[in-house]
Amino acid sequence: MVDAVYRAESRRVLATLIRLLGDFDLAEEALHDAFTAAVERWPDDGVPANPRAWLVSTGRFKAIDQLRRRARFDASLASLADRLGDGVTPAPDVDDDAVEDDRLRLIFTCCHPALPPDARVALTLREVCGLTTEEIARAFLTAPPTLAQRIVRAKGKIRDAGIPYQVPGRTDLPERLDTVLQVVYLVFNEGYSASAGAAVTRPDLSAEAIRLGRLLV
């Protein structure tokens, strides 16, 4: 059951955690911790009525606890933990509209024009679509360590440049949407006619591009 929820909800939960926590790496740790807790607790307690809301709430609490532990060695984390923890209550139901808004925010962040084009594609496939680093590297005939560093640098750029986690306003939307559509096109095209490797097509990449396109409609 946890595996099925992971396949269906992990990218949605991650998108919401990034909004709540404001950091890719912290949100990914929180996602991992939340699903670890689900593996430990759901067999005895039963699956929650709203697994997605449970995972978001659990992940957020886990992240705050982690920050407070780290704050003993890095005082700068103490204020962040306090800010995230202020007024924390169990998360309400995370409705579908709010989640899809979070996923759109994530797409536009991963495809920000400040990032190099190859980094946009890699980051989108990793964070929005949930492909592993190895899968992305294999699709584009890149060594996994090289691809991993590309993703790390992209996240660092987002953090250091203060790239906002939001859907652009009406004025900026046409230009920013073009950037996103370029990434979707590149992913689909690579799936439809693979540029390298033994396979002529990569249906998995085409399917991911179609999913991204539907989110933008």
N, C-alpha and C. Protein backbone atom coordinates (compact mmCIF):
# COMPACT_ATOMS: atom_id res chain seq x y z
N MET A 1 0.82 -1.21 0.00
CA MET A 1 0.00 0.00 0.00
C MET A 1 0.86 1.26 0.00
N VAL A 2 1.92 1.27 0.81
CA VAL A 2 2.79 2.44 0.85
C VAL A 2 3.43 2.67 -0.52
N ASP A 3 3.82 1.57 -1.19
CA ASP A 3 4.42 1.70 -2.52
C ASP A 3 3.45 2.36 -3.50
N ALA A 4 2.19 1.97 -3.43
CA ALA A 4 1.19 2.55 -4.33
C ALA A 4 0.99 4.04 -4.05
N VAL A 5 0.96 4.39 -2.77
CA VAL A 5 0.81 5.81 -2.40
C VAL A 5 2.04 6.59 -2.85
N TYR A 6 3.22 5.97 -2.72
CA TYR A 6 4.44 6.66 -3.14
C TYR A 6 4.39 6.96 -4.64
N ARG A 7 4.00 5.97 -5.42
CA ARG A 7 3.95 6.18 -6.87
C ARG A 7 2.93 7.26 -7.25
N ALA A 8 1.81 7.28 -6.54
CA ALA A 8 0.74 8.20 -6.90
C ALA A 8 0.93 9.61 -6.33
N GLU A 9 1.57 9.69 -5.15
CA GLU A 9 1.53 10.96 -4.42
C GLU A 9 2.88 11.60 -4.12
N SER A 10 3.98 10.89 -4.30
CA SER A 10 5.26 11.41 -3.80
C SER A 10 5.63 12.76 -4.41
N ARG A 11 5.40 12.94 -5.72
CA ARG A 11 5.76 14.22 -6.35
C ARG A 11 4.85 15.34 -5.88
N ARG A 12 3.60 15.02 -5.61
CA ARG A 12 2.68 16.04 -5.10
C ARG A 12 3.07 16.44 -3.68
N VAL A 13 3.38 15.45 -2.85
CA VAL A 13 3.80 15.74 -1.48
C VAL A 13 5.08 16.57 -1.48
N LEU A 14 6.03 16.21 -2.34
CA LEU A 14 7.28 16.96 -2.41
C LEU A 14 7.03 18.41 -2.80
N ALA A 15 6.18 18.64 -3.79
CA ALA A 15 5.90 20.01 -4.23
C ALA A 15 5.35 20.85 -3.10
N THR A 16 4.46 20.28 -2.30
CA THR A 16 3.89 21.02 -1.17
C THR A 16 4.93 21.24 -0.08
N LEU A 17 5.77 20.24 0.19
CA LEU A 17 6.81 20.40 1.20
C LEU A 17 7.82 21.47 0.80
N ILE A 18 8.15 21.56 -0.48
CA ILE A 18 9.07 22.61 -0.92
C ILE A 18 8.46 23.98 -0.64
N ARG A 19 7.16 24.12 -0.88
CA ARG A 19 6.51 25.41 -0.58
C ARG A 19 6.54 25.70 0.92
N LEU A 20 6.26 24.70 1.74
CA LEU A 20 6.19 24.91 3.18
C LEU A 20 7.56 25.14 3.81
N LEU A 21 8.58 24.44 3.30
CA LEU A 21 9.90 24.47 3.92
C LEU A 21 10.87 25.42 3.22
N GLY A 22 10.60 25.72 1.95
CA GLY A 22 11.43 26.68 1.24
C GLY A 22 12.80 26.19 0.84
N ASP A 23 12.99 24.87 0.77
CA ASP A 23 14.31 24.34 0.43
C ASP A 23 14.14 22.96 -0.19
N PHE A 24 14.75 22.75 -1.36
CA PHE A 24 14.63 21.47 -2.06
C PHE A 24 15.16 20.31 -1.22
N ASP A 25 16.40 20.45 -0.74
CA ASP A 25 17.03 19.33 -0.04
C ASP A 25 16.31 18.99 1.25
N LEU A 26 15.90 20.02 2.00
CA LEU A 26 15.17 19.78 3.24
C LEU A 26 13.84 19.10 2.95
N ALA A 27 13.17 19.52 1.88
CA ALA A 27 11.90 18.90 1.51
C ALA A 27 12.08 17.45 1.09
N GLU A 28 13.16 17.14 0.38
CA GLU A 28 13.41 15.76 -0.04
C GLU A 28 13.69 14.87 1.17
N GLU A 29 14.45 15.39 2.14
CA GLU A 29 14.68 14.64 3.38
C GLU A 29 13.37 14.41 4.10
N ALA A 30 12.54 15.45 4.15
CA ALA A 30 11.25 15.33 4.83
C ALA A 30 10.35 14.31 4.14
N LEU A 31 10.38 14.30 2.81
CA LEU A 31 9.60 13.32 2.06
C LEU A 31 10.04 11.90 2.42
N HIS A 32 11.35 11.68 2.42
CA HIS A 32 11.89 10.36 2.77
C HIS A 32 11.48 9.97 4.18
N ASP A 33 11.61 10.90 5.13
CA ASP A 33 11.26 10.61 6.52
C ASP A 33 9.78 10.32 6.67
N ALA A 34 8.94 11.04 5.93
CA ALA A 34 7.50 10.83 6.02
C ALA A 34 7.12 9.44 5.53
N PHE A 35 7.70 9.00 4.42
CA PHE A 35 7.37 7.67 3.91
C PHE A 35 7.98 6.58 4.78
N THR A 36 9.13 6.85 5.39
CA THR A 36 9.69 5.89 6.35
C THR A 36 8.73 5.71 7.52
N ALA A 37 8.18 6.83 8.01
CA ALA A 37 7.21 6.75 9.10
C ALA A 37 5.95 6.00 8.67
N ALA A 38 5.54 6.19 7.42
CA ALA A 38 4.36 5.48 6.92
C ALA A 38 4.60 3.97 6.90
N VAL A 39 5.78 3.56 6.46
CA VAL A 39 6.12 2.13 6.44
C VAL A 39 6.06 1.55 7.85
N GLU A 40 6.50 2.32 8.82
CA GLU A 40 6.54 1.85 10.21
C GLU A 40 5.17 1.85 10.87
N ARG A 41 4.32 2.81 10.54
CA ARG A 41 3.09 3.02 11.31
C ARG A 41 1.82 2.52 10.63
N TRP A 42 1.74 2.61 9.31
CA TRP A 42 0.49 2.27 8.65
C TRP A 42 0.10 0.81 8.80
N PRO A 43 1.04 -0.15 8.81
CA PRO A 43 0.61 -1.54 8.99
C PRO A 43 -0.16 -1.76 10.29
N ASP A 44 0.18 -1.03 11.35
CA ASP A 44 -0.50 -1.18 12.64
C ASP A 44 -1.67 -0.21 12.79
N ASP A 45 -1.46 1.04 12.37
CA ASP A 45 -2.48 2.08 12.59
C ASP A 45 -3.51 2.14 11.48
N GLY A 46 -3.20 1.55 10.34
CA GLY A 46 -4.08 1.67 9.19
C GLY A 46 -3.71 2.86 8.33
N VAL A 47 -4.13 2.82 7.08
CA VAL A 47 -3.84 3.93 6.16
C VAL A 47 -4.75 5.10 6.50
N PRO A 48 -4.22 6.30 6.65
CA PRO A 48 -5.05 7.47 6.98
C PRO A 48 -6.11 7.72 5.90
N ALA A 49 -7.16 8.41 6.30
CA ALA A 49 -8.22 8.74 5.34
C ALA A 49 -7.68 9.60 4.20
N ASN A 50 -6.73 10.48 4.53
CA ASN A 50 -6.10 11.31 3.51
C ASN A 50 -4.59 11.11 3.60
N PRO A 51 -4.06 10.11 2.90
CA PRO A 51 -2.62 9.82 3.00
C PRO A 51 -1.74 11.00 2.64
N ARG A 52 -2.15 11.77 1.63
CA ARG A 52 -1.34 12.90 1.19
C ARG A 52 -1.19 13.94 2.30
N ALA A 53 -2.30 14.29 2.96
CA ALA A 53 -2.25 15.27 4.05
C ALA A 53 -1.41 14.74 5.21
N TRP A 54 -1.54 13.44 5.50
CA TRP A 54 -0.76 12.83 6.58
C TRP A 54 0.73 12.93 6.27
N LEU A 55 1.09 12.64 5.04
CA LEU A 55 2.51 12.67 4.65
C LEU A 55 3.06 14.10 4.69
N VAL A 56 2.28 15.06 4.24
CA VAL A 56 2.73 16.46 4.28
C VAL A 56 2.94 16.90 5.73
N SER A 57 1.96 16.60 6.59
CA SER A 57 2.06 16.99 8.00
C SER A 57 3.23 16.31 8.67
N THR A 58 3.38 15.01 8.45
CA THR A 58 4.48 14.26 9.06
C THR A 58 5.82 14.76 8.55
N GLY A 59 5.93 14.97 7.26
CA GLY A 59 7.18 15.47 6.69
C GLY A 59 7.56 16.82 7.24
N ARG A 60 6.59 17.70 7.42
CA ARG A 60 6.87 19.03 7.96
C ARG A 60 7.38 18.93 9.39
N PHE A 61 6.71 18.13 10.21
CA PHE A 61 7.16 17.96 11.60
C PHE A 61 8.57 17.35 11.65
N LYS A 62 8.81 16.37 10.79
CA LYS A 62 10.14 15.73 10.77
C LYS A 62 11.21 16.75 10.40
N ALA A 63 10.92 17.62 9.44
CA ALA A 63 11.89 18.63 9.02
C ALA A 63 12.19 19.61 10.14
N ILE A 64 11.15 20.03 10.85
CA ILE A 64 11.34 20.96 11.97
C ILE A 64 12.19 20.31 13.06
N ASP A 65 11.90 19.04 13.38
CA ASP A 65 12.70 18.32 14.38
C ASP A 65 14.15 18.22 13.93
N GLN A 66 14.36 17.93 12.65
CA GLN A 66 15.71 17.81 12.12
C GLN A 66 16.47 19.13 12.24
N LEU A 67 15.80 20.23 11.91
CA LEU A 67 16.44 21.55 12.00
C LEU A 67 16.80 21.88 13.44
N ARG A 68 15.93 21.54 14.37
CA ARG A 68 16.21 21.84 15.78
C ARG A 68 17.39 21.03 16.30
N ARG A 69 17.52 19.81 15.82
CA ARG A 69 18.69 19.02 16.22
C ARG A 69 19.97 19.62 15.64
N ARG A 70 19.90 20.02 14.37
CA ARG A 70 21.09 20.60 13.74
C ARG A 70 21.44 21.96 14.33
N ALA A 71 20.45 22.65 14.88
CA ALA A 71 20.68 23.99 15.43
C ALA A 71 21.64 23.97 16.61
N ARG A 72 21.81 22.81 17.21
CA ARG A 72 22.79 22.71 18.31
C ARG A 72 24.20 22.94 17.80
N PHE A 73 24.41 22.70 16.52
CA PHE A 73 25.74 22.87 15.93
C PHE A 73 25.81 24.06 14.97
N ASP A 74 24.65 24.58 14.58
CA ASP A 74 24.60 25.72 13.65
C ASP A 74 23.47 26.63 14.11
N ALA A 75 23.86 27.71 14.80
CA ALA A 75 22.87 28.60 15.41
C ALA A 75 21.95 29.24 14.37
N SER A 76 22.43 29.37 13.13
CA SER A 76 21.62 30.01 12.10
C SER A 76 20.36 29.21 11.78
N LEU A 77 20.37 27.91 12.10
CA LEU A 77 19.22 27.08 11.81
C LEU A 77 18.13 27.21 12.87
N ALA A 78 18.49 27.75 14.03
CA ALA A 78 17.52 27.84 15.12
C ALA A 78 16.34 28.73 14.74
N SER A 79 16.64 29.90 14.15
CA SER A 79 15.56 30.82 13.79
C SER A 79 14.68 30.23 12.69
N LEU A 80 15.30 29.49 11.76
CA LEU A 80 14.51 28.85 10.70
C LEU A 80 13.58 27.81 11.29
N ALA A 81 14.08 27.00 12.22
CA ALA A 81 13.24 25.99 12.86
C ALA A 81 12.09 26.65 13.62
N ASP A 82 12.39 27.75 14.31
CA ASP A 82 11.34 28.45 15.06
C ASP A 82 10.29 29.02 14.11
N ARG A 83 10.76 29.59 13.00
CA ARG A 83 9.81 30.18 12.04
C ARG A 83 8.90 29.11 11.45
N LEU A 84 9.48 27.98 11.08
CA LEU A 84 8.67 26.90 10.50
C LEU A 84 7.75 26.29 11.54
N GLY A 85 8.19 26.32 12.81
CA GLY A 85 7.40 25.69 13.86
C GLY A 85 6.35 26.58 14.47
N ASP A 86 6.40 27.89 14.21
CA ASP A 86 5.42 28.81 14.79
C ASP A 86 4.01 28.43 14.36
N GLY A 87 3.19 28.17 15.36
CA GLY A 87 1.79 27.90 15.07
C GLY A 87 1.54 26.62 14.32
N VAL A 88 2.50 25.69 14.38
CA VAL A 88 2.32 24.44 13.65
C VAL A 88 1.19 23.63 14.27
N THR A 89 0.26 23.23 13.45
CA THR A 89 -0.81 22.33 13.84
C THR A 89 -0.87 21.24 12.80
N PRO A 90 -1.52 20.12 13.13
CA PRO A 90 -1.64 19.09 12.10
C PRO A 90 -2.23 19.68 10.82
N ALA A 91 -1.66 19.31 9.70
CA ALA A 91 -2.07 19.91 8.42
C ALA A 91 -3.51 19.56 8.10
N PRO A 92 -4.27 20.53 7.61
CA PRO A 92 -5.62 20.23 7.15
C PRO A 92 -5.55 19.40 5.88
N ASP A 93 -6.71 18.94 5.43
CA ASP A 93 -6.73 18.20 4.17
C ASP A 93 -6.08 19.04 3.07
N VAL A 94 -5.21 18.41 2.32
CA VAL A 94 -4.54 19.09 1.21
C VAL A 94 -5.37 18.84 -0.03
N ASP A 95 -6.15 19.85 -0.45
CA ASP A 95 -7.08 19.61 -1.55
C ASP A 95 -6.34 19.57 -2.88
N ASP A 96 -7.01 19.00 -3.87
CA ASP A 96 -6.38 18.77 -5.17
C ASP A 96 -5.95 20.07 -5.84
N ASP A 97 -6.78 21.11 -5.73
CA ASP A 97 -6.43 22.37 -6.38
C ASP A 97 -5.15 22.95 -5.80
N ALA A 98 -5.01 22.91 -4.47
CA ALA A 98 -3.81 23.45 -3.83
C ALA A 98 -2.58 22.66 -4.25
N VAL A 99 -2.73 21.34 -4.33
CA VAL A 99 -1.60 20.50 -4.71
C VAL A 99 -1.18 20.78 -6.15
N GLU A 100 -2.14 20.91 -7.05
CA GLU A 100 -1.79 21.20 -8.44
C GLU A 100 -1.13 22.57 -8.56
N ASP A 101 -1.55 23.53 -7.74
CA ASP A 101 -0.87 24.83 -7.71
C ASP A 101 0.58 24.66 -7.29
N ASP A 102 0.82 23.82 -6.29
CA ASP A 102 2.19 23.57 -5.84
C ASP A 102 3.02 22.92 -6.95
N ARG A 103 2.42 22.02 -7.69
CA ARG A 103 3.15 21.36 -8.77
C ARG A 103 3.48 22.35 -9.89
N LEU A 104 2.56 23.26 -10.16
CA LEU A 104 2.86 24.30 -11.16
C LEU A 104 4.00 25.19 -10.68
N ARG A 105 3.99 25.54 -9.40
CA ARG A 105 5.09 26.34 -8.86
C ARG A 105 6.42 25.62 -9.06
N LEU A 106 6.40 24.31 -8.81
CA LEU A 106 7.62 23.54 -8.93
C LEU A 106 8.11 23.49 -10.38
N ILE A 107 7.19 23.33 -11.32
CA ILE A 107 7.58 23.30 -12.74
C ILE A 107 8.24 24.62 -13.14
N PHE A 108 7.60 25.73 -12.79
CA PHE A 108 8.15 27.03 -13.19
C PHE A 108 9.47 27.32 -12.49
N THR A 109 9.64 26.81 -11.27
CA THR A 109 10.92 27.00 -10.58
C THR A 109 12.02 26.19 -11.26
N CYS A 110 11.73 24.93 -11.56
CA CYS A 110 12.73 24.07 -12.21
C CYS A 110 13.09 24.56 -13.61
N CYS A 111 12.17 25.26 -14.26
CA CYS A 111 12.40 25.73 -15.63
C CYS A 111 12.72 27.21 -15.68
N HIS A 112 13.21 27.76 -14.59
CA HIS A 112 13.50 29.20 -14.56
C HIS A 112 14.58 29.54 -15.57
N PRO A 113 14.44 30.65 -16.30
CA PRO A 113 15.44 30.99 -17.34
C PRO A 113 16.83 31.29 -16.80
N ALA A 114 16.96 31.50 -15.49
CA ALA A 114 18.29 31.72 -14.92
C ALA A 114 19.12 30.44 -14.90
N LEU A 115 18.45 29.29 -15.07
CA LEU A 115 19.15 28.01 -15.07
C LEU A 115 19.55 27.63 -16.49
N PRO A 116 20.69 26.95 -16.66
CA PRO A 116 21.06 26.47 -18.00
C PRO A 116 20.02 25.49 -18.53
N PRO A 117 19.80 25.45 -19.84
CA PRO A 117 18.78 24.57 -20.41
C PRO A 117 18.92 23.11 -19.99
N ASP A 118 20.16 22.56 -19.99
CA ASP A 118 20.31 21.15 -19.62
C ASP A 118 19.96 20.93 -18.16
N ALA A 119 20.20 21.94 -17.31
CA ALA A 119 19.85 21.82 -15.90
C ALA A 119 18.34 21.86 -15.71
N ARG A 120 17.64 22.66 -16.52
CA ARG A 120 16.18 22.72 -16.42
C ARG A 120 15.57 21.35 -16.70
N VAL A 121 16.05 20.70 -17.76
CA VAL A 121 15.52 19.39 -18.12
C VAL A 121 15.80 18.38 -17.01
N ALA A 122 17.04 18.33 -16.54
CA ALA A 122 17.41 17.36 -15.51
C ALA A 122 16.63 17.59 -14.23
N LEU A 123 16.52 18.85 -13.81
CA LEU A 123 15.83 19.16 -12.55
C LEU A 123 14.34 18.86 -12.66
N THR A 124 13.75 19.15 -13.80
CA THR A 124 12.33 18.87 -13.99
C THR A 124 12.05 17.37 -13.95
N LEU A 125 12.87 16.59 -14.65
CA LEU A 125 12.68 15.14 -14.63
C LEU A 125 12.87 14.56 -13.24
N ARG A 126 13.81 15.12 -12.48
CA ARG A 126 14.10 14.60 -11.15
C ARG A 126 13.02 15.01 -10.14
N GLU A 127 12.72 16.31 -10.07
CA GLU A 127 11.87 16.81 -9.01
C GLU A 127 10.38 16.75 -9.34
N VAL A 128 10.02 17.04 -10.57
CA VAL A 128 8.61 17.05 -10.93
C VAL A 128 8.12 15.67 -11.32
N CYS A 129 8.94 14.95 -12.12
CA CYS A 129 8.53 13.65 -12.64
C CYS A 129 8.96 12.49 -11.74
N GLY A 130 9.98 12.71 -10.92
CA GLY A 130 10.40 11.66 -9.99
C GLY A 130 11.31 10.60 -10.58
N LEU A 131 11.89 10.85 -11.77
CA LEU A 131 12.87 9.90 -12.30
C LEU A 131 14.12 9.93 -11.44
N THR A 132 14.79 8.80 -11.33
CA THR A 132 16.03 8.76 -10.57
C THR A 132 17.15 9.40 -11.37
N THR A 133 18.22 9.76 -10.66
CA THR A 133 19.38 10.32 -11.34
C THR A 133 19.91 9.36 -12.39
N GLU A 134 19.93 8.07 -12.06
CA GLU A 134 20.44 7.06 -12.98
C GLU A 134 19.57 6.98 -14.24
N GLU A 135 18.24 7.05 -14.07
CA GLU A 135 17.34 6.99 -15.22
C GLU A 135 17.55 8.19 -16.15
N ILE A 136 17.69 9.36 -15.57
CA ILE A 136 17.89 10.57 -16.38
C ILE A 136 19.23 10.50 -17.10
N ALA A 137 20.26 10.09 -16.37
CA ALA A 137 21.60 9.98 -16.98
C ALA A 137 21.60 8.98 -18.12
N ARG A 138 20.90 7.86 -17.93
CA ARG A 138 20.84 6.84 -18.97
C ARG A 138 20.09 7.37 -20.20
N ALA A 139 19.04 8.15 -19.98
CA ALA A 139 18.25 8.67 -21.10
C ALA A 139 19.06 9.62 -21.98
N PHE A 140 19.97 10.36 -21.36
CA PHE A 140 20.74 11.36 -22.10
C PHE A 140 22.22 11.01 -22.20
N LEU A 141 22.52 9.72 -21.97
CA LEU A 141 23.89 9.22 -22.09
C LEU A 141 24.89 10.12 -21.35
N THR A 142 24.58 10.39 -20.10
CA THR A 142 25.45 11.19 -19.24
C THR A 142 25.83 10.35 -18.04
N ALA A 143 27.06 10.49 -17.57
CA ALA A 143 27.48 9.75 -16.38
C ALA A 143 26.63 10.21 -15.19
N PRO A 144 26.12 9.27 -14.38
CA PRO A 144 25.29 9.65 -13.23
C PRO A 144 25.93 10.69 -12.31
N PRO A 145 27.24 10.60 -11.98
CA PRO A 145 27.82 11.65 -11.13
C PRO A 145 27.75 13.04 -11.77
N THR A 146 27.96 13.09 -13.09
CA THR A 146 27.87 14.37 -13.80
C THR A 146 26.46 14.93 -13.74
N LEU A 147 25.49 14.05 -13.96
CA LEU A 147 24.09 14.47 -13.92
C LEU A 147 23.72 14.92 -12.52
N ALA A 148 24.18 14.18 -11.51
CA ALA A 148 23.87 14.54 -10.12
C ALA A 148 24.42 15.92 -9.78
N GLN A 149 25.64 16.20 -10.22
CA GLN A 149 26.24 17.52 -9.97
C GLN A 149 25.46 18.62 -10.68
N ARG A 150 24.95 18.33 -11.85
CA ARG A 150 24.15 19.31 -12.59
C ARG A 150 22.91 19.69 -11.78
N ILE A 151 22.29 18.68 -11.19
CA ILE A 151 21.09 18.93 -10.38
C ILE A 151 21.45 19.69 -9.11
N VAL A 152 22.55 19.31 -8.47
CA VAL A 152 23.00 20.01 -7.25
C VAL A 152 23.27 21.48 -7.55
N ARG A 153 23.95 21.75 -8.66
CA ARG A 153 24.25 23.14 -9.01
C ARG A 153 22.97 23.93 -9.30
N ALA A 154 22.01 23.28 -9.94
CA ALA A 154 20.75 23.97 -10.24
C ALA A 154 20.02 24.33 -8.95
N LYS A 155 19.98 23.41 -8.01
CA LYS A 155 19.35 23.71 -6.72
C LYS A 155 20.08 24.84 -6.00
N GLY A 156 21.41 24.81 -6.06
CA GLY A 156 22.20 25.86 -5.44
C GLY A 156 21.91 27.21 -6.06
N LYS A 157 21.75 27.23 -7.38
CA LYS A 157 21.44 28.47 -8.08
C LYS A 157 20.08 29.01 -7.64
N ILE A 158 19.10 28.13 -7.52
CA ILE A 158 17.77 28.54 -7.07
C ILE A 158 17.84 29.15 -5.68
N ARG A 159 18.59 28.49 -4.80
CA ARG A 159 18.73 28.98 -3.42
C ARG A 159 19.50 30.29 -3.37
N ASP A 160 20.66 30.33 -4.00
CA ASP A 160 21.54 31.50 -3.87
C ASP A 160 20.99 32.72 -4.59
N ALA A 161 20.29 32.50 -5.70
CA ALA A 161 19.73 33.62 -6.46
C ALA A 161 18.37 34.06 -5.94
N GLY A 162 17.85 33.31 -4.96
CA GLY A 162 16.54 33.65 -4.42
C GLY A 162 15.43 33.53 -5.45
N ILE A 163 15.54 32.54 -6.33
CA ILE A 163 14.50 32.33 -7.34
C ILE A 163 13.19 31.97 -6.63
N PRO A 164 12.14 32.74 -6.84
CA PRO A 164 10.90 32.53 -6.08
C PRO A 164 10.18 31.25 -6.50
N TYR A 165 9.57 30.61 -5.53
CA TYR A 165 8.82 29.38 -5.76
C TYR A 165 7.37 29.79 -6.02
N GLN A 166 7.09 30.18 -7.25
CA GLN A 166 5.77 30.69 -7.56
C GLN A 166 5.50 30.61 -9.06
N VAL A 167 4.22 30.64 -9.39
CA VAL A 167 3.82 30.76 -10.79
C VAL A 167 3.96 32.23 -11.16
N PRO A 168 4.57 32.56 -12.28
CA PRO A 168 4.78 33.97 -12.64
C PRO A 168 3.47 34.74 -12.76
N GLY A 169 3.57 36.05 -12.55
CA GLY A 169 2.41 36.91 -12.75
C GLY A 169 2.04 37.02 -14.21
N ARG A 170 0.92 37.65 -14.46
CA ARG A 170 0.38 37.70 -15.83
C ARG A 170 1.36 38.35 -16.81
N THR A 171 2.09 39.36 -16.34
CA THR A 171 3.01 40.07 -17.24
C THR A 171 4.15 39.17 -17.70
N ASP A 172 4.70 38.39 -16.77
CA ASP A 172 5.86 37.54 -17.08
C ASP A 172 5.48 36.17 -17.60
N LEU A 173 4.19 35.81 -17.48
CA LEU A 173 3.79 34.43 -17.77
C LEU A 173 4.10 33.99 -19.21
N PRO A 174 3.81 34.79 -20.24
CA PRO A 174 4.07 34.29 -21.60
C PRO A 174 5.52 33.89 -21.83
N GLU A 175 6.46 34.75 -21.40
CA GLU A 175 7.88 34.44 -21.60
C GLU A 175 8.29 33.22 -20.79
N ARG A 176 7.82 33.16 -19.53
CA ARG A 176 8.19 32.03 -18.67
C ARG A 176 7.56 30.74 -19.16
N LEU A 177 6.34 30.83 -19.67
CA LEU A 177 5.67 29.64 -20.18
C LEU A 177 6.42 29.09 -21.38
N ASP A 178 6.96 29.96 -22.21
CA ASP A 178 7.76 29.51 -23.35
C ASP A 178 8.94 28.66 -22.88
N THR A 179 9.59 29.08 -21.80
CA THR A 179 10.73 28.32 -21.26
C THR A 179 10.30 26.95 -20.79
N VAL A 180 9.16 26.89 -20.11
CA VAL A 180 8.64 25.60 -19.64
C VAL A 180 8.30 24.70 -20.82
N LEU A 181 7.63 25.26 -21.81
CA LEU A 181 7.23 24.47 -22.98
C LEU A 181 8.44 23.95 -23.75
N GLN A 182 9.52 24.71 -23.76
CA GLN A 182 10.75 24.23 -24.39
C GLN A 182 11.26 22.98 -23.70
N VAL A 183 11.20 22.97 -22.36
CA VAL A 183 11.64 21.79 -21.61
C VAL A 183 10.72 20.62 -21.91
N VAL A 184 9.41 20.85 -21.90
CA VAL A 184 8.46 19.78 -22.20
C VAL A 184 8.72 19.23 -23.60
N TYR A 185 8.97 20.11 -24.56
CA TYR A 185 9.25 19.68 -25.93
C TYR A 185 10.52 18.83 -25.99
N LEU A 186 11.57 19.27 -25.31
CA LEU A 186 12.82 18.53 -25.33
C LEU A 186 12.65 17.13 -24.74
N VAL A 187 11.90 17.05 -23.64
CA VAL A 187 11.67 15.75 -23.01
C VAL A 187 10.86 14.86 -23.94
N PHE A 188 9.78 15.40 -24.53
CA PHE A 188 8.96 14.60 -25.43
C PHE A 188 9.74 14.16 -26.66
N ASN A 189 10.50 15.07 -27.24
CA ASN A 189 11.24 14.77 -28.46
C ASN A 189 12.28 13.68 -28.22
N GLU A 190 12.92 13.72 -27.05
CA GLU A 190 13.90 12.69 -26.73
C GLU A 190 13.22 11.33 -26.58
N GLY A 191 12.00 11.34 -26.08
CA GLY A 191 11.26 10.09 -25.96
C GLY A 191 10.76 9.58 -27.30
N TYR A 192 10.31 10.49 -28.16
CA TYR A 192 9.76 10.11 -29.46
C TYR A 192 10.84 9.63 -30.42
N SER A 193 12.00 10.26 -30.35
CA SER A 193 13.11 9.89 -31.24
C SER A 193 14.41 10.02 -30.45
N ALA A 194 14.78 8.94 -29.78
CA ALA A 194 15.94 8.98 -28.89
C ALA A 194 17.20 9.37 -29.67
N SER A 195 17.94 10.30 -29.10
CA SER A 195 19.14 10.79 -29.80
C SER A 195 20.32 9.86 -29.66
N ALA A 196 20.25 8.93 -28.71
CA ALA A 196 21.37 8.01 -28.51
C ALA A 196 20.86 6.76 -27.82
N GLY A 197 21.70 5.73 -27.84
CA GLY A 197 21.33 4.48 -27.19
C GLY A 197 20.73 3.49 -28.17
N ALA A 198 20.48 2.28 -27.68
CA ALA A 198 19.99 1.21 -28.54
C ALA A 198 18.53 1.39 -28.93
N ALA A 199 17.73 1.96 -28.03
CA ALA A 199 16.30 2.10 -28.30
C ALA A 199 16.04 3.27 -29.24
N VAL A 200 15.11 3.06 -30.18
CA VAL A 200 14.74 4.12 -31.12
C VAL A 200 13.85 5.15 -30.43
N THR A 201 13.01 4.68 -29.52
CA THR A 201 12.12 5.57 -28.79
C THR A 201 12.28 5.35 -27.29
N ARG A 202 11.84 6.33 -26.50
CA ARG A 202 11.81 6.22 -25.04
C ARG A 202 10.40 6.60 -24.58
N PRO A 203 9.46 5.64 -24.60
CA PRO A 203 8.07 5.96 -24.24
C PRO A 203 7.93 6.55 -22.84
N ASP A 204 8.83 6.18 -21.92
CA ASP A 204 8.73 6.72 -20.57
C ASP A 204 8.92 8.23 -20.56
N LEU A 205 9.87 8.72 -21.36
CA LEU A 205 10.10 10.16 -21.42
C LEU A 205 8.93 10.88 -22.11
N SER A 206 8.41 10.28 -23.16
CA SER A 206 7.25 10.89 -23.83
C SER A 206 6.07 10.98 -22.88
N ALA A 207 5.87 9.94 -22.09
CA ALA A 207 4.76 9.94 -21.13
C ALA A 207 4.93 11.03 -20.09
N GLU A 208 6.17 11.22 -19.62
CA GLU A 208 6.42 12.28 -18.64
C GLU A 208 6.14 13.65 -19.25
N ALA A 209 6.51 13.85 -20.50
CA ALA A 209 6.26 15.13 -21.17
C ALA A 209 4.76 15.39 -21.29
N ILE A 210 4.00 14.35 -21.61
CA ILE A 210 2.55 14.50 -21.71
C ILE A 210 1.96 14.86 -20.36
N ARG A 211 2.45 14.23 -19.29
CA ARG A 211 1.99 14.57 -17.94
C ARG A 211 2.26 16.04 -17.63
N LEU A 212 3.45 16.51 -17.96
CA LEU A 212 3.80 17.91 -17.71
C LEU A 212 2.89 18.84 -18.51
N GLY A 213 2.65 18.49 -19.77
CA GLY A 213 1.78 19.31 -20.60
C GLY A 213 0.38 19.42 -20.03
N ARG A 214 -0.14 18.32 -19.51
CA ARG A 214 -1.49 18.34 -18.94
C ARG A 214 -1.56 19.23 -17.70
N LEU A 215 -0.48 19.27 -16.94
CA LEU A 215 -0.46 20.14 -15.76
C LEU A 215 -0.56 21.61 -16.16
N LEU A 216 -0.06 21.94 -17.33
CA LEU A 216 -0.02 23.34 -17.76
C LEU A 216 -1.32 23.80 -18.40
N VAL A 217 -2.19 22.85 -18.74
CA VAL A 217 -3.44 23.21 -19.41
C VAL A 217 -4.41 23.88 -18.43
